Amino acid sequence: MDKITGLREILRLDPGNSFARYGIAMELKNRGEVTAALDEFDVLLTNDPDYTAGYFMSAQALAGAGRKAEAIERLKAGIGCAGRTGNSHAISEMQAMLEELER
């Protein structure tokens, strides 16, 4: 059984499991299946808008796919999320990426 299959089984048993959804998105991203990964990130962030890592990793996927404007918007949303949740490390990482993209 590959990782995605196992994670989908977890989601079948627990549809609200954000960690499993994030894992699927990351596996798809790592396999180069960017569109499918972004679909999973979108579901993740719709269902769990405070899942900070989802913003940063989906912004990376968007930027890698040449979708700079969307990546910038995702980072701005992620910085807001990180601020709400008190995640200063994530703010720093996303702010650095945002500054790079806005150059």
C-alpha atoms as a PDB file:
ATOM      1  CA  MET A   1       0.000   0.000   0.000  1.00  0.00           C
ATOM      2  CA  ASP A   2       1.445   3.377  -0.946  1.00  0.00           C
ATOM      3  CA  LYS A   3       1.279   6.403   1.351  1.00  0.00           C
ATOM      4  CA  ILE A   4      -1.613   8.085  -0.432  1.00  0.00           C
ATOM      5  CA  THR A   5      -3.734   4.944  -0.259  1.00  0.00           C
ATOM      6  CA  GLY A   6      -3.079   4.658   3.475  1.00  0.00           C
ATOM      7  CA  LEU A   7      -3.869   8.313   4.066  1.00  0.00           C
ATOM      8  CA  ARG A   8      -7.072   8.063   2.031  1.00  0.00           C
ATOM      9  CA  GLU A   9      -8.099   5.139   4.231  1.00  0.00           C
ATOM     10  CA  ILE A  10      -7.570   7.338   7.292  1.00  0.00           C
ATOM     11  CA  LEU A  11      -9.766  10.001   5.678  1.00  0.00           C
ATOM     12  CA  ARG A  12     -12.422   7.417   4.918  1.00  0.00           C
ATOM     13  CA  LEU A  13     -12.543   6.558   8.621  1.00  0.00           C
ATOM     14  CA  ASP A  14     -12.081  10.158   9.807  1.00  0.00           C
ATOM     15  CA  PRO A  15     -13.089  12.660   7.077  1.00  0.00           C
ATOM     16  CA  GLY A  16     -12.033  15.624   9.198  1.00  0.00           C
ATOM     17  CA  ASN A  17      -8.460  14.448   9.722  1.00  0.00           C
ATOM     18  CA  SER A  18      -6.458  17.477   8.605  1.00  0.00           C
ATOM     19  CA  PHE A  19      -3.095  15.770   9.080  1.00  0.00           C
ATOM     20  CA  ALA A  20      -4.070  12.997   6.660  1.00  0.00           C
ATOM     21  CA  ARG A  21      -5.384  15.529   4.113  1.00  0.00           C
ATOM     22  CA  TYR A  22      -2.144  17.530   4.414  1.00  0.00           C
ATOM     23  CA  GLY A  23      -0.138  14.330   3.971  1.00  0.00           C
ATOM     24  CA  ILE A  24      -2.004  13.480   0.766  1.00  0.00           C
ATOM     25  CA  ALA A  25      -1.432  16.986  -0.582  1.00  0.00           C
ATOM     26  CA  MET A  26       2.283  16.793   0.234  1.00  0.00           C
ATOM     27  CA  GLU A  27       2.682  13.358  -1.357  1.00  0.00           C
ATOM     28  CA  LEU A  28       0.971  14.570  -4.519  1.00  0.00           C
ATOM     29  CA  LYS A  29       3.138  17.718  -4.552  1.00  0.00           C
ATOM     30  CA  ASN A  30       6.283  15.630  -4.134  1.00  0.00           C
ATOM     31  CA  ARG A  31       5.201  13.387  -7.013  1.00  0.00           C
ATOM     32  CA  GLY A  32       4.776  16.433  -9.238  1.00  0.00           C
ATOM     33  CA  GLU A  33       0.984  16.124  -9.352  1.00  0.00           C
ATOM     34  CA  VAL A  34       0.536  19.823  -8.650  1.00  0.00           C
ATOM     35  CA  THR A  35      -3.100  20.220  -9.707  1.00  0.00           C
ATOM     36  CA  ALA A  36      -4.209  17.297  -7.552  1.00  0.00           C
ATOM     37  CA  ALA A  37      -2.067  18.552  -4.667  1.00  0.00           C
ATOM     38  CA  LEU A  38      -3.578  22.020  -4.887  1.00  0.00           C
ATOM     39  CA  ASP A  39      -7.068  20.516  -4.892  1.00  0.00           C
ATOM     40  CA  GLU A  40      -6.221  18.712  -1.634  1.00  0.00           C
ATOM     41  CA  PHE A  41      -4.703  21.867  -0.117  1.00  0.00           C
ATOM     42  CA  ASP A  42      -7.875  23.768  -1.043  1.00  0.00           C
ATOM     43  CA  VAL A  43     -10.073  21.191   0.696  1.00  0.00           C
ATOM     44  CA  LEU A  44      -7.747  21.222   3.709  1.00  0.00           C
ATOM     45  CA  LEU A  45      -7.830  24.993   4.076  1.00  0.00           C
ATOM     46  CA  THR A  46     -11.587  25.180   3.511  1.00  0.00           C
ATOM     47  CA  ASN A  47     -12.193  22.581   6.218  1.00  0.00           C
ATOM     48  CA  ASP A  48      -9.434  23.750   8.572  1.00  0.00           C
ATOM     49  CA  PRO A  49      -8.557  27.406   7.912  1.00  0.00           C
ATOM     50  CA  ASP A  50      -6.077  27.411  10.828  1.00  0.00           C
ATOM     51  CA  TYR A  51      -3.845  24.676   9.357  1.00  0.00           C
ATOM     52  CA  THR A  52      -0.937  27.067   8.841  1.00  0.00           C
ATOM     53  CA  ALA A  53       1.442  24.700   7.052  1.00  0.00           C
ATOM     54  CA  GLY A  54      -1.139  24.207   4.308  1.00  0.00           C
ATOM     55  CA  TYR A  55      -0.828  27.831   3.261  1.00  0.00           C
ATOM     56  CA  PHE A  56       2.946  27.806   3.008  1.00  0.00           C
ATOM     57  CA  MET A  57       3.237  24.490   1.182  1.00  0.00           C
ATOM     58  CA  SER A  58       0.420  25.288  -1.240  1.00  0.00           C
ATOM     59  CA  ALA A  59       2.014  28.671  -1.942  1.00  0.00           C
ATOM     60  CA  GLN A  60       5.235  26.846  -2.786  1.00  0.00           C
ATOM     61  CA  ALA A  61       3.320  24.570  -5.160  1.00  0.00           C
ATOM     62  CA  LEU A  62       1.597  27.541  -6.780  1.00  0.00           C
ATOM     63  CA  ALA A  63       4.859  29.427  -7.209  1.00  0.00           C
ATOM     64  CA  GLY A  64       6.520  26.335  -8.657  1.00  0.00           C
ATOM     65  CA  ALA A  65       3.689  26.056 -11.178  1.00  0.00           C
ATOM     66  CA  GLY A  66       4.245  29.657 -12.286  1.00  0.00           C
ATOM     67  CA  ARG A  67       1.100  30.888 -10.550  1.00  0.00           C
ATOM     68  CA  LYS A  68       2.836  33.759  -8.766  1.00  0.00           C
ATOM     69  CA  ALA A  69      -0.210  35.952  -8.089  1.00  0.00           C
ATOM     70  CA  GLU A  70      -2.090  33.060  -6.504  1.00  0.00           C
ATOM     71  CA  ALA A  71       0.979  32.139  -4.441  1.00  0.00           C
ATOM     72  CA  ILE A  72       1.180  35.711  -3.147  1.00  0.00           C
ATOM     73  CA  GLU A  73      -2.487  35.667  -2.138  1.00  0.00           C
ATOM     74  CA  ARG A  74      -2.076  32.294  -0.426  1.00  0.00           C
ATOM     75  CA  LEU A  75       0.930  33.588   1.512  1.00  0.00           C
ATOM     76  CA  LYS A  76      -0.983  36.664   2.642  1.00  0.00           C
ATOM     77  CA  ALA A  77      -3.796  34.428   3.882  1.00  0.00           C
ATOM     78  CA  GLY A  78      -1.250  32.177   5.563  1.00  0.00           C
ATOM     79  CA  ILE A  79       0.422  35.079   7.335  1.00  0.00           C
ATOM     80  CA  GLY A  80      -2.990  36.079   8.650  1.00  0.00           C
ATOM     81  CA  CYS A  81      -3.599  32.518   9.821  1.00  0.00           C
ATOM     82  CA  ALA A  82      -0.196  32.333  11.501  1.00  0.00           C
ATOM     83  CA  GLY A  83      -0.923  35.597  13.246  1.00  0.00           C
ATOM     84  CA  ARG A  84      -4.251  34.276  14.548  1.00  0.00           C
ATOM     85  CA  THR A  85      -2.631  31.088  15.825  1.00  0.00           C
ATOM     86  CA  GLY A  86       0.492  32.761  17.232  1.00  0.00           C
ATOM     87  CA  ASN A  87       2.920  30.932  14.937  1.00  0.00           C
ATOM     88  CA  SER A  88       5.748  33.459  14.593  1.00  0.00           C
ATOM     89  CA  HIS A  89       8.060  30.981  12.839  1.00  0.00           C
ATOM     90  CA  ALA A  90       5.499  30.440  10.073  1.00  0.00           C
ATOM     91  CA  ILE A  91       5.002  34.190   9.745  1.00  0.00           C
ATOM     92  CA  SER A  92       8.735  34.617   9.248  1.00  0.00           C
ATOM     93  CA  GLU A  93       8.966  31.865   6.616  1.00  0.00           C
ATOM     94  CA  MET A  94       5.956  33.057   4.678  1.00  0.00           C
ATOM     95  CA  GLN A  95       6.985  36.701   4.877  1.00  0.00           C
ATOM     96  CA  ALA A  96      10.409  35.828   3.422  1.00  0.00           C
ATOM     97  CA  MET A  97       8.801  33.914   0.548  1.00  0.00           C
ATOM     98  CA  LEU A  98       6.301  36.727  -0.022  1.00  0.00           C
ATOM     99  CA  GLU A  99       9.074  39.298  -0.232  1.00  0.00           C
ATOM    100  CA  GLU A 100      10.929  37.102  -2.734  1.00  0.00           C
ATOM    101  CA  LEU A 101       7.846  36.716  -4.933  1.00  0.00           C
ATOM    102  CA  GLU A 102       7.009  40.415  -4.810  1.00  0.00           C
ATOM    103  CA  ARG A 103      10.430  41.451  -6.157  1.00  0.00           C
END
